[in-house]
């Protein structure tokens, strides 16, 4: 990974960006010898963003499958086929609660 100072970015922005698009390797921007930011090319960013979205979708699918599985188990054990929306409303509103 290439490292450049903020001063170099100011002086040679065009060449730094040209190198980035050519090599496709991230560039660390240093301030007082410490990384403060990273620059990546647009294609890599889009791939990374798409992968994160796909992971989120998969995670949501797994969570939904677990919820549906749990709902089936509860329905089998209790024999109740009550709509979960109504159940949550009742819990929120205090209906069927012993207060």
Protein backbone atom coordinates (compact mmCIF):
# COMPACT_ATOMS: atom_id res chain seq x y z
CA UNK A 1 0.00 0.00 0.00
CA UNK A 2 1.30 3.38 -0.96
CA UNK A 3 1.46 6.06 1.74
CA UNK A 4 1.37 9.77 0.95
CA UNK A 5 1.40 12.85 3.12
CA UNK A 6 -1.28 15.50 3.00
CA UNK A 7 1.32 17.86 1.56
CA UNK A 8 1.98 15.45 -1.31
CA UNK A 9 -1.76 15.17 -1.95
CA UNK A 10 -1.98 18.97 -2.17
CA UNK A 11 0.99 19.23 -4.53
CA UNK A 12 0.44 16.14 -6.70
CA UNK A 13 -3.25 15.28 -6.52
CA UNK A 14 -3.45 14.44 -10.19
CA UNK A 15 -0.49 12.03 -10.13
CA UNK A 16 -1.65 10.37 -6.88
CA UNK A 17 -5.09 9.75 -8.39
CA UNK A 18 -3.55 8.54 -11.64
CA UNK A 19 -1.46 6.03 -9.68
CA UNK A 20 -4.57 4.93 -7.77
CA UNK A 21 -6.58 4.25 -10.91
CA UNK A 22 -3.61 2.50 -12.52
CA UNK A 23 -2.65 0.18 -9.64
CA UNK A 24 -6.08 -0.20 -7.98
CA UNK A 25 -4.25 -0.35 -4.63
CA UNK A 26 -5.48 1.74 -1.68
CA UNK A 27 -3.47 4.78 -0.69
CA UNK A 28 -3.01 5.80 2.94
CA UNK A 29 -2.98 9.53 3.62
CA UNK A 30 -0.65 10.41 6.47
CA UNK A 31 -0.71 13.40 8.77
CA UNK A 32 2.30 13.68 11.05
CA UNK A 33 3.27 10.12 10.08
CA UNK A 34 -0.08 8.68 11.15
CA UNK A 35 -2.78 7.40 8.76
CA UNK A 36 -5.81 9.69 8.82
CA UNK A 37 -7.64 8.44 5.72
CA UNK A 38 -7.50 5.92 2.89
CA UNK A 39 -8.32 6.41 -0.77
CA UNK A 40 -9.61 3.53 -2.85
CA UNK A 41 -10.66 3.43 -6.49
CA UNK A 42 -14.33 3.59 -7.40
CA UNK A 43 -14.49 0.02 -8.73
CA UNK A 44 -13.12 -1.44 -5.49
CA UNK A 45 -15.49 0.71 -3.45
CA UNK A 46 -18.49 -0.47 -5.48
CA UNK A 47 -17.47 -4.13 -5.06
CA UNK A 48 -16.99 -3.64 -1.33
CA UNK A 49 -20.35 -1.88 -1.02
CA UNK A 50 -22.13 -4.60 -3.01
CA UNK A 51 -20.55 -7.33 -0.86
CA UNK A 52 -21.71 -5.56 2.31
CA UNK A 53 -25.25 -5.31 0.94
CA UNK A 54 -25.25 -9.00 0.01
CA UNK A 55 -24.02 -9.94 3.49
CA UNK A 56 -26.78 -7.84 5.02
CA UNK A 57 -29.44 -9.49 2.86
CA UNK A 58 -28.14 -12.95 3.79
CA UNK A 59 -28.10 -12.04 7.47
CA UNK A 60 -31.69 -10.82 7.28
CA UNK A 61 -32.77 -14.00 5.49
CA UNK A 62 -31.18 -16.16 8.20
CA UNK A 63 -32.82 -14.09 10.94
CA UNK A 64 -36.22 -14.39 9.28
CA UNK A 65 -35.78 -18.16 8.90
CA UNK A 66 -34.95 -18.44 12.62
CA UNK A 67 -38.00 -16.38 13.54
CA UNK A 68 -40.31 -18.47 11.36
CA UNK A 69 -38.83 -21.67 12.76
CA UNK A 70 -39.36 -20.44 16.30
CA UNK A 71 -42.94 -19.42 15.46
CA UNK A 72 -43.63 -22.93 14.14
CA UNK A 73 -42.23 -24.50 17.32
CA UNK A 74 -44.36 -22.25 19.53
CA UNK A 75 -47.44 -22.97 17.44
CA UNK A 76 -46.87 -26.73 17.71
CA UNK A 77 -46.27 -26.64 21.47
CA UNK A 78 -49.11 -24.31 22.37
CA UNK A 79 -51.56 -25.13 19.61
CA UNK A 80 -52.20 -21.40 19.23
CA UNK A 81 -52.35 -19.90 15.76
CA UNK A 82 -52.63 -16.30 16.90
CA UNK A 83 -51.25 -13.60 14.66
CA UNK A 84 -47.94 -12.37 16.06
CA UNK A 85 -48.81 -8.74 15.27
CA UNK A 86 -51.83 -8.94 17.54
CA UNK A 87 -49.76 -10.65 20.20
CA UNK A 88 -47.12 -7.89 20.15
CA UNK A 89 -49.85 -5.20 20.24
CA UNK A 90 -51.42 -6.88 23.25
CA UNK A 91 -48.08 -7.00 25.02
CA UNK A 92 -47.40 -3.32 24.29
CA UNK A 93 -50.85 -2.13 25.29
CA UNK A 94 -50.94 -4.16 28.45
CA UNK A 95 -53.83 -6.39 27.35
CA UNK A 96 -53.54 -9.87 28.85
CA UNK A 97 -50.98 -8.61 31.37
CA UNK A 98 -51.16 -9.06 35.07
CA UNK A 99 -50.27 -5.68 36.51
